[in-house]
C-alpha cells in the first residue's frame, strides 16, 4: 500500500491500481478500481454524482488516501487539474507575465506541428492589448481564454479537466480540439456536461452506488 502522506504540491506517479476503494464524503465508497493509468491515453469520465469526480481528482493528486487496495507507483508524473489551476491562477497579473516566465512553454503541438504560443494567442483571439491587461480588469471571456491557455500550456504529464472543457467560446473549443490528440501525457476529462473535443481511448464510468466500470472506448470512426 502506498503511503500518500501530506502532499502540498501536485504530483504523483504512473499508476497500477488494484481493488482500490476511494472514500466519499457521505461515507460511501468509489470502487473497486482496477486500472493501469498509462501515458498517451484519453480517458472520458462519466460520473453518476459530482462528488465521484471530486474524489477521483483528490485521489489521483495525492490529497485523498484510498481506504484499501494496492497502488503501484511506477513513474514520476506532474499532475494538474483545472480546479487547481483556476484556484491558483494569478488573476491580478497580465497574461504576458505568465508567457515570459522562465518555465513557460514556448511551443505547443497543434495539428501535428509545433506552433508558437504567439499563433496560439492569435487563434484564441487574445490580442496584444488584452494580454497586457490585468486579468481581473477584463471580460469573463478573456479570463476563460487565459484559463484554457494555461491548461493547454501546462507542464503536467497528467491533466484532469472538467470545467475547462465546458467553455463554449468557439476559438477555445477549436484550440482544444486541435490540442486534444497531440497531448503526450495522460488526459482525464469529465464528460458529464458538454462534448469533449475529441475521441477517448478509455471509458471510466461510476454508478449511483459508487461502482466503477472501466472499458476501452469503441474505435473512432
C-alpha atoms as a PDB file:
ATOM      1  CA  UNK A   1       0.000   0.000   0.000  1.00  0.00           C
ATOM      2  CA  UNK A   2       1.341   3.398  -0.932  1.00  0.00           C
ATOM      3  CA  UNK A   3       1.588   5.963   1.836  1.00  0.00           C
ATOM      4  CA  UNK A   4       0.348   9.152   0.181  1.00  0.00           C
ATOM      5  CA  UNK A   5       1.254  11.313   3.185  1.00  0.00           C
ATOM      6  CA  UNK A   6       0.701  15.061   3.221  1.00  0.00           C
ATOM      7  CA  UNK A   7       1.308  16.342  -0.309  1.00  0.00           C
ATOM      8  CA  UNK A   8       1.205  20.084  -0.608  1.00  0.00           C
ATOM      9  CA  UNK A   9       2.211  20.256  -4.264  1.00  0.00           C
ATOM     10  CA  UNK A  10       0.593  18.441  -7.107  1.00  0.00           C
ATOM     11  CA  UNK A  11       2.445  15.312  -8.174  1.00  0.00           C
ATOM     12  CA  UNK A  12       2.047  11.559  -8.478  1.00  0.00           C
ATOM     13  CA  UNK A  13       3.326   8.504 -10.308  1.00  0.00           C
ATOM     14  CA  UNK A  14       2.069   6.428 -13.197  1.00  0.00           C
ATOM     15  CA  UNK A  15      -0.355   4.059 -11.525  1.00  0.00           C
ATOM     16  CA  UNK A  16      -1.285   0.439 -11.433  1.00  0.00           C
ATOM     17  CA  UNK A  17      -4.432   0.262  -9.302  1.00  0.00           C
ATOM     18  CA  UNK A  18      -5.832  -2.999  -7.992  1.00  0.00           C
ATOM     19  CA  UNK A  19      -9.039  -3.295  -5.923  1.00  0.00           C
ATOM     20  CA  UNK A  20      -8.706   0.344  -4.859  1.00  0.00           C
ATOM     21  CA  UNK A  21     -11.567   1.829  -2.826  1.00  0.00           C
ATOM     22  CA  UNK A  22     -11.809   5.635  -2.546  1.00  0.00           C
ATOM     23  CA  UNK A  23     -13.806   7.218   0.313  1.00  0.00           C
ATOM     24  CA  UNK A  24     -16.710   9.553  -0.463  1.00  0.00           C
ATOM     25  CA  UNK A  25     -17.872  12.469   1.731  1.00  0.00           C
ATOM     26  CA  UNK A  26     -21.204  10.782   2.525  1.00  0.00           C
ATOM     27  CA  UNK A  27     -19.467   7.729   3.963  1.00  0.00           C
ATOM     28  CA  UNK A  28     -19.787   5.723   0.773  1.00  0.00           C
ATOM     29  CA  UNK A  29     -17.031   4.301  -1.396  1.00  0.00           C
ATOM     30  CA  UNK A  30     -15.947   4.608  -5.006  1.00  0.00           C
ATOM     31  CA  UNK A  31     -14.692   1.371  -6.464  1.00  0.00           C
ATOM     32  CA  UNK A  32     -13.265  -1.178  -6.549  1.00  0.00           C
ATOM     33  CA  UNK A  33     -10.955   0.262  -9.214  1.00  0.00           C
ATOM     34  CA  UNK A  34      -8.649  -1.921 -11.307  1.00  0.00           C
ATOM     35  CA  UNK A  35      -6.859   0.386 -13.697  1.00  0.00           C
ATOM     36  CA  UNK A  36      -3.471   0.897 -15.332  1.00  0.00           C
ATOM     37  CA  UNK A  37      -3.063   4.653 -15.811  1.00  0.00           C
ATOM     38  CA  UNK A  38      -0.931   4.962 -18.943  1.00  0.00           C
ATOM     39  CA  UNK A  39       0.588   7.799 -20.921  1.00  0.00           C
ATOM     40  CA  UNK A  40      -0.820   8.851 -24.290  1.00  0.00           C
ATOM     41  CA  UNK A  41      -4.329   7.857 -23.226  1.00  0.00           C
ATOM     42  CA  UNK A  42      -7.516   9.928 -23.340  1.00  0.00           C
ATOM     43  CA  UNK A  43      -9.932   8.941 -20.595  1.00  0.00           C
ATOM     44  CA  UNK A  44     -13.557  10.056 -20.665  1.00  0.00           C
ATOM     45  CA  UNK A  45     -15.147  10.038 -17.216  1.00  0.00           C
ATOM     46  CA  UNK A  46     -18.925   9.846 -16.723  1.00  0.00           C
ATOM     47  CA  UNK A  47     -19.966  10.233 -13.090  1.00  0.00           C
ATOM     48  CA  UNK A  48     -23.322   9.438 -11.541  1.00  0.00           C
ATOM     49  CA  UNK A  49     -22.552  12.058  -8.884  1.00  0.00           C
ATOM     50  CA  UNK A  50     -20.342  15.169  -8.960  1.00  0.00           C
ATOM     51  CA  UNK A  51     -18.706  14.001  -5.716  1.00  0.00           C
ATOM     52  CA  UNK A  52     -17.338  10.987  -7.586  1.00  0.00           C
ATOM     53  CA  UNK A  53     -15.302  13.261  -9.877  1.00  0.00           C
ATOM     54  CA  UNK A  54     -14.046  15.330  -6.950  1.00  0.00           C
ATOM     55  CA  UNK A  55     -12.986  12.185  -5.077  1.00  0.00           C
ATOM     56  CA  UNK A  56     -11.196  10.815  -8.159  1.00  0.00           C
ATOM     57  CA  UNK A  57      -9.289  14.090  -8.632  1.00  0.00           C
ATOM     58  CA  UNK A  58      -8.315  14.233  -4.971  1.00  0.00           C
ATOM     59  CA  UNK A  59      -7.160  10.623  -5.047  1.00  0.00           C
ATOM     60  CA  UNK A  60      -5.065  10.945  -8.220  1.00  0.00           C
ATOM     61  CA  UNK A  61      -3.437  14.157  -6.974  1.00  0.00           C
ATOM     62  CA  UNK A  62      -2.480  12.509  -3.689  1.00  0.00           C
ATOM     63  CA  UNK A  63      -4.859  14.520  -1.493  1.00  0.00           C
ATOM     64  CA  UNK A  64      -7.144  11.613  -0.622  1.00  0.00           C
ATOM     65  CA  UNK A  65      -5.693   8.271   0.521  1.00  0.00           C
ATOM     66  CA  UNK A  66      -7.563   5.120  -0.503  1.00  0.00           C
ATOM     67  CA  UNK A  67      -9.464   3.016   2.006  1.00  0.00           C
ATOM     68  CA  UNK A  68      -7.989  -0.198   0.688  1.00  0.00           C
ATOM     69  CA  UNK A  69      -6.341  -1.766  -2.332  1.00  0.00           C
ATOM     70  CA  UNK A  70      -2.936  -1.688  -3.966  1.00  0.00           C
ATOM     71  CA  UNK A  71      -1.404   1.383  -5.593  1.00  0.00           C
ATOM     72  CA  UNK A  72       1.783   0.697  -7.523  1.00  0.00           C
ATOM     73  CA  UNK A  73       3.555   3.924  -8.480  1.00  0.00           C
ATOM     74  CA  UNK A  74       5.827   3.344 -11.422  1.00  0.00           C
ATOM     75  CA  UNK A  75       6.928   6.624 -12.915  1.00  0.00           C
ATOM     76  CA  UNK A  76       7.036  10.140 -11.519  1.00  0.00           C
ATOM     77  CA  UNK A  77       4.440  12.429 -13.051  1.00  0.00           C
ATOM     78  CA  UNK A  78       3.398  16.018 -12.622  1.00  0.00           C
ATOM     79  CA  UNK A  79      -0.365  16.384 -12.336  1.00  0.00           C
ATOM     80  CA  UNK A  80      -2.604  19.372 -12.931  1.00  0.00           C
ATOM     81  CA  UNK A  81      -6.356  19.746 -12.577  1.00  0.00           C
ATOM     82  CA  UNK A  82      -8.433  22.559 -13.983  1.00  0.00           C
ATOM     83  CA  UNK A  83      -9.842  23.121 -10.497  1.00  0.00           C
ATOM     84  CA  UNK A  84      -6.367  23.569  -9.038  1.00  0.00           C
ATOM     85  CA  UNK A  85      -5.273  25.713 -11.969  1.00  0.00           C
ATOM     86  CA  UNK A  86      -8.234  28.065 -11.629  1.00  0.00           C
ATOM     87  CA  UNK A  87      -7.764  28.301  -7.874  1.00  0.00           C
ATOM     88  CA  UNK A  88      -4.107  29.258  -8.229  1.00  0.00           C
ATOM     89  CA  UNK A  89      -4.315  31.497 -11.281  1.00  0.00           C
ATOM     90  CA  UNK A  90      -2.858  34.900 -10.561  1.00  0.00           C
ATOM     91  CA  UNK A  91      -5.800  36.976 -11.693  1.00  0.00           C
ATOM     92  CA  UNK A  92      -4.005  40.236 -10.923  1.00  0.00           C
ATOM     93  CA  UNK A  93      -1.156  39.560 -13.362  1.00  0.00           C
ATOM     94  CA  UNK A  94      -1.134  40.170 -17.129  1.00  0.00           C
ATOM     95  CA  UNK A  95      -1.011  37.129 -19.408  1.00  0.00           C
ATOM     96  CA  UNK A  96       2.385  38.307 -20.613  1.00  0.00           C
ATOM     97  CA  UNK A  97       3.800  37.750 -17.114  1.00  0.00           C
ATOM     98  CA  UNK A  98       2.978  34.059 -17.482  1.00  0.00           C
ATOM     99  CA  UNK A  99       4.212  33.766 -21.056  1.00  0.00           C
ATOM    100  CA  UNK A 100       7.503  35.469 -20.191  1.00  0.00           C
ATOM    101  CA  UNK A 101       8.164  33.356 -17.092  1.00  0.00           C
ATOM    102  CA  UNK A 102      11.335  31.200 -17.292  1.00  0.00           C
ATOM    103  CA  UNK A 103       9.364  27.926 -17.202  1.00  0.00           C
ATOM    104  CA  UNK A 104       6.615  28.954 -19.631  1.00  0.00           C
ATOM    105  CA  UNK A 105       6.411  26.749 -22.742  1.00  0.00           C
ATOM    106  CA  UNK A 106       7.200  28.497 -25.990  1.00  0.00           C
ATOM    107  CA  UNK A 107       5.646  25.961 -28.333  1.00  0.00           C
ATOM    108  CA  UNK A 108       2.566  23.761 -28.423  1.00  0.00           C
ATOM    109  CA  UNK A 109       1.533  20.827 -30.565  1.00  0.00           C
ATOM    110  CA  UNK A 110      -1.402  21.738 -32.799  1.00  0.00           C
ATOM    111  CA  UNK A 111      -2.400  19.924 -35.963  1.00  0.00           C
ATOM    112  CA  UNK A 112       0.640  17.648 -35.566  1.00  0.00           C
ATOM    113  CA  UNK A 113       3.013  20.602 -35.943  1.00  0.00           C
ATOM    114  CA  UNK A 114       4.850  22.644 -33.389  1.00  0.00           C
ATOM    115  CA  UNK A 115       3.216  26.045 -33.223  1.00  0.00           C
ATOM    116  CA  UNK A 116       4.407  29.103 -31.339  1.00  0.00           C
ATOM    117  CA  UNK A 117       2.407  30.399 -28.415  1.00  0.00           C
ATOM    118  CA  UNK A 118       2.044  33.575 -30.436  1.00  0.00           C
ATOM    119  CA  UNK A 119      -0.041  31.701 -33.005  1.00  0.00           C
ATOM    120  CA  UNK A 120      -2.000  30.070 -30.204  1.00  0.00           C
ATOM    121  CA  UNK A 121      -2.810  33.508 -28.791  1.00  0.00           C
ATOM    122  CA  UNK A 122      -3.937  34.562 -32.245  1.00  0.00           C
ATOM    123  CA  UNK A 123      -6.200  31.529 -32.566  1.00  0.00           C
ATOM    124  CA  UNK A 124      -7.657  32.232 -29.133  1.00  0.00           C
ATOM    125  CA  UNK A 125      -8.287  35.818 -30.267  1.00  0.00           C
ATOM    126  CA  UNK A 126      -6.132  37.214 -27.456  1.00  0.00           C
ATOM    127  CA  UNK A 127      -4.776  40.493 -28.770  1.00  0.00           C
ATOM    128  CA  UNK A 128      -1.586  42.292 -27.668  1.00  0.00           C
ATOM    129  CA  UNK A 129      -3.831  44.821 -25.962  1.00  0.00           C
ATOM    130  CA  UNK A 130      -5.758  42.479 -23.713  1.00  0.00           C
ATOM    131  CA  UNK A 131      -2.860  40.155 -22.869  1.00  0.00           C
ATOM    132  CA  UNK A 132      -1.065  43.050 -21.192  1.00  0.00           C
ATOM    133  CA  UNK A 133      -4.011  43.998 -19.012  1.00  0.00           C
ATOM    134  CA  UNK A 134      -4.606  42.580 -15.573  1.00  0.00           C
ATOM    135  CA  UNK A 135      -6.956  39.613 -15.848  1.00  0.00           C
ATOM    136  CA  UNK A 136      -9.309  40.987 -13.214  1.00  0.00           C
ATOM    137  CA  UNK A 137      -9.895  44.102 -15.316  1.00  0.00           C
ATOM    138  CA  UNK A 138     -11.020  42.365 -18.488  1.00  0.00           C
ATOM    139  CA  UNK A 139     -14.071  40.369 -19.501  1.00  0.00           C
ATOM    140  CA  UNK A 140     -15.008  36.891 -18.348  1.00  0.00           C
ATOM    141  CA  UNK A 141     -14.444  35.753 -21.944  1.00  0.00           C
ATOM    142  CA  UNK A 142     -10.788  36.784 -21.846  1.00  0.00           C
ATOM    143  CA  UNK A 143     -10.417  35.195 -18.421  1.00  0.00           C
ATOM    144  CA  UNK A 144     -11.781  31.904 -19.829  1.00  0.00           C
ATOM    145  CA  UNK A 145      -9.364  32.103 -22.752  1.00  0.00           C
ATOM    146  CA  UNK A 146      -6.455  32.638 -20.353  1.00  0.00           C
ATOM    147  CA  UNK A 147      -7.590  29.684 -18.244  1.00  0.00           C
ATOM    148  CA  UNK A 148      -7.770  27.418 -21.306  1.00  0.00           C
ATOM    149  CA  UNK A 149      -4.368  28.699 -22.454  1.00  0.00           C
ATOM    150  CA  UNK A 150      -2.791  27.890 -19.096  1.00  0.00           C
ATOM    151  CA  UNK A 151      -4.377  24.421 -19.147  1.00  0.00           C
ATOM    152  CA  UNK A 152      -3.054  23.644 -22.635  1.00  0.00           C
ATOM    153  CA  UNK A 153       0.413  25.004 -21.840  1.00  0.00           C
ATOM    154  CA  UNK A 154       0.701  23.158 -18.536  1.00  0.00           C
ATOM    155  CA  UNK A 155       3.891  21.149 -17.994  1.00  0.00           C
ATOM    156  CA  UNK A 156       1.805  18.348 -16.462  1.00  0.00           C
ATOM    157  CA  UNK A 157       2.137  14.735 -17.580  1.00  0.00           C
ATOM    158  CA  UNK A 158      -1.398  14.089 -16.372  1.00  0.00           C
ATOM    159  CA  UNK A 159      -4.148  16.660 -16.890  1.00  0.00           C
ATOM    160  CA  UNK A 160      -7.595  16.331 -15.332  1.00  0.00           C
ATOM    161  CA  UNK A 161     -10.266  18.654 -16.633  1.00  0.00           C
ATOM    162  CA  UNK A 162     -13.963  19.272 -16.302  1.00  0.00           C
ATOM    163  CA  UNK A 163     -14.854  22.947 -16.349  1.00  0.00           C
ATOM    164  CA  UNK A 164     -12.264  23.893 -18.941  1.00  0.00           C
ATOM    165  CA  UNK A 165     -13.980  21.584 -21.447  1.00  0.00           C
ATOM    166  CA  UNK A 166     -17.314  23.297 -20.829  1.00  0.00           C
ATOM    167  CA  UNK A 167     -16.110  26.651 -22.206  1.00  0.00           C
ATOM    168  CA  UNK A 168     -18.300  27.345 -25.239  1.00  0.00           C
ATOM    169  CA  UNK A 169     -16.174  30.122 -26.775  1.00  0.00           C
ATOM    170  CA  UNK A 170     -15.594  28.985 -30.425  1.00  0.00           C
ATOM    171  CA  UNK A 171     -11.838  29.785 -30.599  1.00  0.00           C
ATOM    172  CA  UNK A 172     -11.261  27.966 -27.290  1.00  0.00           C
ATOM    173  CA  UNK A 173     -13.231  24.939 -28.497  1.00  0.00           C
ATOM    174  CA  UNK A 174     -11.244  24.838 -31.745  1.00  0.00           C
ATOM    175  CA  UNK A 175      -7.882  25.088 -29.976  1.00  0.00           C
ATOM    176  CA  UNK A 176      -8.865  22.356 -27.522  1.00  0.00           C
ATOM    177  CA  UNK A 177      -9.899  20.170 -30.462  1.00  0.00           C
ATOM    178  CA  UNK A 178      -6.525  20.577 -32.198  1.00  0.00           C
ATOM    179  CA  UNK A 179      -4.573  20.112 -28.970  1.00  0.00           C
ATOM    180  CA  UNK A 180      -6.570  17.070 -27.791  1.00  0.00           C
ATOM    181  CA  UNK A 181      -4.937  14.330 -29.856  1.00  0.00           C
ATOM    182  CA  UNK A 182      -1.422  15.775 -29.655  1.00  0.00           C
ATOM    183  CA  UNK A 183      -1.131  15.959 -25.878  1.00  0.00           C
ATOM    184  CA  UNK A 184       1.559  13.439 -24.972  1.00  0.00           C
ATOM    185  CA  UNK A 185       0.627  12.705 -21.369  1.00  0.00           C
ATOM    186  CA  UNK A 186      -2.468  11.269 -19.718  1.00  0.00           C
ATOM    187  CA  UNK A 187      -5.641  13.268 -20.231  1.00  0.00           C
ATOM    188  CA  UNK A 188      -8.608  12.558 -17.965  1.00  0.00           C
ATOM    189  CA  UNK A 189     -11.697  14.576 -18.821  1.00  0.00           C
ATOM    190  CA  UNK A 190     -15.146  14.589 -17.250  1.00  0.00           C
ATOM    191  CA  UNK A 191     -17.901  14.472 -19.846  1.00  0.00           C
ATOM    192  CA  UNK A 192     -20.981  14.910 -17.668  1.00  0.00           C
ATOM    193  CA  UNK A 193     -21.725  18.237 -19.359  1.00  0.00           C
ATOM    194  CA  UNK A 194     -20.960  19.214 -22.928  1.00  0.00           C
ATOM    195  CA  UNK A 195     -18.995  17.349 -25.581  1.00  0.00           C
ATOM    196  CA  UNK A 196     -15.314  16.548 -25.332  1.00  0.00           C
ATOM    197  CA  UNK A 197     -13.033  17.983 -28.029  1.00  0.00           C
ATOM    198  CA  UNK A 198     -12.064  14.568 -29.366  1.00  0.00           C
ATOM    199  CA  UNK A 199     -12.338  10.803 -29.068  1.00  0.00           C
ATOM    200  CA  UNK A 200     -11.299   8.896 -25.948  1.00  0.00           C
ATOM    201  CA  UNK A 201      -9.384   5.643 -25.534  1.00  0.00           C
ATOM    202  CA  UNK A 202     -10.866   4.651 -22.177  1.00  0.00           C
ATOM    203  CA  UNK A 203     -14.336   4.990 -20.664  1.00  0.00           C
ATOM    204  CA  UNK A 204     -14.430   5.414 -16.866  1.00  0.00           C
ATOM    205  CA  UNK A 205     -17.991   5.294 -15.511  1.00  0.00           C
ATOM    206  CA  UNK A 206     -19.346   5.447 -11.983  1.00  0.00           C
ATOM    207  CA  UNK A 207     -22.748   4.236 -10.863  1.00  0.00           C
ATOM    208  CA  UNK A 208     -25.069   5.648  -8.243  1.00  0.00           C
ATOM    209  CA  UNK A 209     -23.846   3.003  -5.799  1.00  0.00           C
ATOM    210  CA  UNK A 210     -20.203   4.056  -6.258  1.00  0.00           C
ATOM    211  CA  UNK A 211     -19.365   1.164  -8.556  1.00  0.00           C
ATOM    212  CA  UNK A 212     -16.746   1.771 -11.259  1.00  0.00           C
ATOM    213  CA  UNK A 213     -16.610   0.371 -14.774  1.00  0.00           C
ATOM    214  CA  UNK A 214     -13.525   0.913 -16.949  1.00  0.00           C
ATOM    215  CA  UNK A 215     -13.651  -0.228 -20.560  1.00  0.00           C
ATOM    216  CA  UNK A 216     -11.810   0.517 -23.818  1.00  0.00           C
ATOM    217  CA  UNK A 217     -13.700   3.016 -25.927  1.00  0.00           C
ATOM    218  CA  UNK A 218     -15.027   1.959 -29.348  1.00  0.00           C
ATOM    219  CA  UNK A 219     -12.719   2.866 -32.171  1.00  0.00           C
ATOM    220  CA  UNK A 220     -13.281   6.339 -33.527  1.00  0.00           C
ATOM    221  CA  UNK A 221     -14.897   6.359 -36.993  1.00  0.00           C
END
